[in-house]
Protein backbone atom coordinates (compact mmCIF):
# COMPACT_ATOMS: atom_id res chain seq x y z
CA UNK A 1 -43.50 -8.20 -39.19
CA UNK A 2 -39.52 -8.93 -38.05
CA UNK A 3 -38.61 -12.54 -39.45
CA UNK A 4 -36.28 -13.40 -36.55
CA UNK A 5 -34.15 -15.34 -39.07
CA UNK A 6 -30.44 -15.06 -38.07
CA UNK A 7 -27.07 -16.59 -37.33
CA UNK A 8 -23.80 -15.56 -36.04
CA UNK A 9 -20.46 -17.10 -37.36
CA UNK A 10 -16.84 -16.96 -36.33
CA UNK A 11 -14.21 -16.61 -38.90
CA UNK A 12 -10.96 -14.72 -39.83
CA UNK A 13 -10.81 -12.44 -42.90
CA UNK A 14 -10.50 -8.77 -43.54
CA UNK A 15 -12.61 -5.95 -44.96
CA UNK A 16 -12.00 -2.81 -46.59
CA UNK A 17 -13.74 0.63 -45.66
CA UNK A 18 -13.44 4.19 -45.79
CA UNK A 19 -10.49 4.07 -43.44
CA UNK A 20 -8.44 1.20 -45.30
CA UNK A 21 -8.44 -2.77 -44.55
CA UNK A 22 -9.24 -4.23 -40.87
CA UNK A 23 -9.74 -7.46 -39.56
CA UNK A 24 -13.34 -9.26 -39.26
CA UNK A 25 -14.23 -11.74 -36.97
CA UNK A 26 -17.98 -12.34 -37.12
CA UNK A 27 -20.35 -12.59 -39.60
CA UNK A 28 -24.18 -11.93 -39.13
CA UNK A 29 -26.59 -13.52 -41.86
CA UNK A 30 -30.04 -12.96 -41.52
CA UNK A 31 -33.19 -12.37 -43.68
CA UNK A 32 -35.06 -9.21 -42.48
CA UNK A 33 -36.26 -5.49 -43.05
CA UNK A 34 -33.32 -3.94 -44.52
CA UNK A 35 -32.31 -0.25 -43.83
CA UNK A 36 -31.04 1.01 -47.45
CA UNK A 37 -32.29 -1.37 -50.05
CA UNK A 38 -35.96 -0.49 -51.02
CA UNK A 39 -37.28 -4.28 -50.39
CA UNK A 40 -39.93 -5.32 -47.66
CA UNK A 41 -37.01 -8.20 -46.82
CA UNK A 42 -33.53 -8.76 -47.83
CA UNK A 43 -30.82 -11.25 -46.91
CA UNK A 44 -28.67 -9.11 -44.71
CA UNK A 45 -24.80 -9.71 -44.10
CA UNK A 46 -22.94 -8.16 -41.53
CA UNK A 47 -19.20 -8.85 -41.47
CA UNK A 48 -17.97 -7.22 -38.05
CA UNK A 49 -15.18 -7.36 -35.68
CA UNK A 50 -16.98 -7.15 -32.22
CA UNK A 51 -13.70 -6.02 -30.42
CA UNK A 52 -13.18 -3.07 -32.56
CA UNK A 53 -16.17 -0.23 -32.94
CA UNK A 54 -16.49 0.63 -36.44
CA UNK A 55 -15.12 -2.31 -38.08
CA UNK A 56 -17.94 -3.26 -40.07
CA UNK A 57 -19.08 -4.26 -43.91
CA UNK A 58 -22.64 -4.44 -43.88
CA UNK A 59 -24.30 -5.81 -47.30
CA UNK A 60 -28.06 -5.83 -48.11
CA UNK A 61 -29.12 -8.07 -51.05
CA UNK A 62 -32.55 -9.44 -52.80
CA UNK A 63 -33.15 -13.05 -52.50
CA UNK A 64 -32.31 -13.84 -56.00
CA UNK A 65 -28.96 -11.81 -56.14
CA UNK A 66 -28.12 -13.89 -52.31
CA UNK A 67 -28.75 -17.04 -54.18
CA UNK A 68 -26.99 -16.09 -57.34
CA UNK A 69 -23.78 -14.65 -55.16
CA UNK A 70 -24.04 -18.07 -53.12
CA UNK A 71 -24.20 -20.32 -56.14
CA UNK A 72 -20.98 -18.26 -57.83
CA UNK A 73 -18.88 -18.70 -54.54
CA UNK A 74 -19.35 -22.44 -54.61
CA UNK A 75 -18.40 -22.35 -58.09
CA UNK A 76 -15.40 -20.40 -57.40
CA UNK A 77 -14.51 -22.91 -54.58
CA UNK A 78 -15.08 -25.87 -56.96
CA UNK A 79 -12.79 -24.19 -59.55
CA UNK A 80 -10.21 -23.39 -56.59
CA UNK A 81 -10.34 -27.33 -55.33
CA UNK A 82 -9.85 -28.42 -59.21
CA UNK A 83 -6.95 -26.23 -59.72
CA UNK A 84 -5.60 -27.25 -56.31
CA UNK A 85 -5.81 -31.00 -57.19
CA UNK A 86 -4.19 -30.33 -60.61
CA UNK A 87 -1.35 -28.39 -59.25
CA UNK A 88 -0.61 -29.96 -56.11
CA UNK A 89 2.15 -32.96 -56.26
C-alpha cells in the first residue's frame, strides 16, 4: 500500500550526474515504496530541476540511515555556525 507521504521544496543547489554538474531547484522528500533498495518502504529524496529533463539525483534510504543522515547534517550545521561565530569579527 502506498503511503502518500511526500513533500516538495524549492531551493537552489547543484548535483552531479554522469554528464557533470547541473543546477537543482526542487526537492521531493517522501516515504513510500522504493525502486531499487530492497525494502518495503524507504525515505525517498529526489533532487531535480523540473525545467531541465534529466537533471535529477534520486536517493533511497532505509529509515535509520535517513535519520542518521539528518542528525549528521544538523551536527555539521551546528559546527559551521560555531565556526562562523568564532571567525566573524
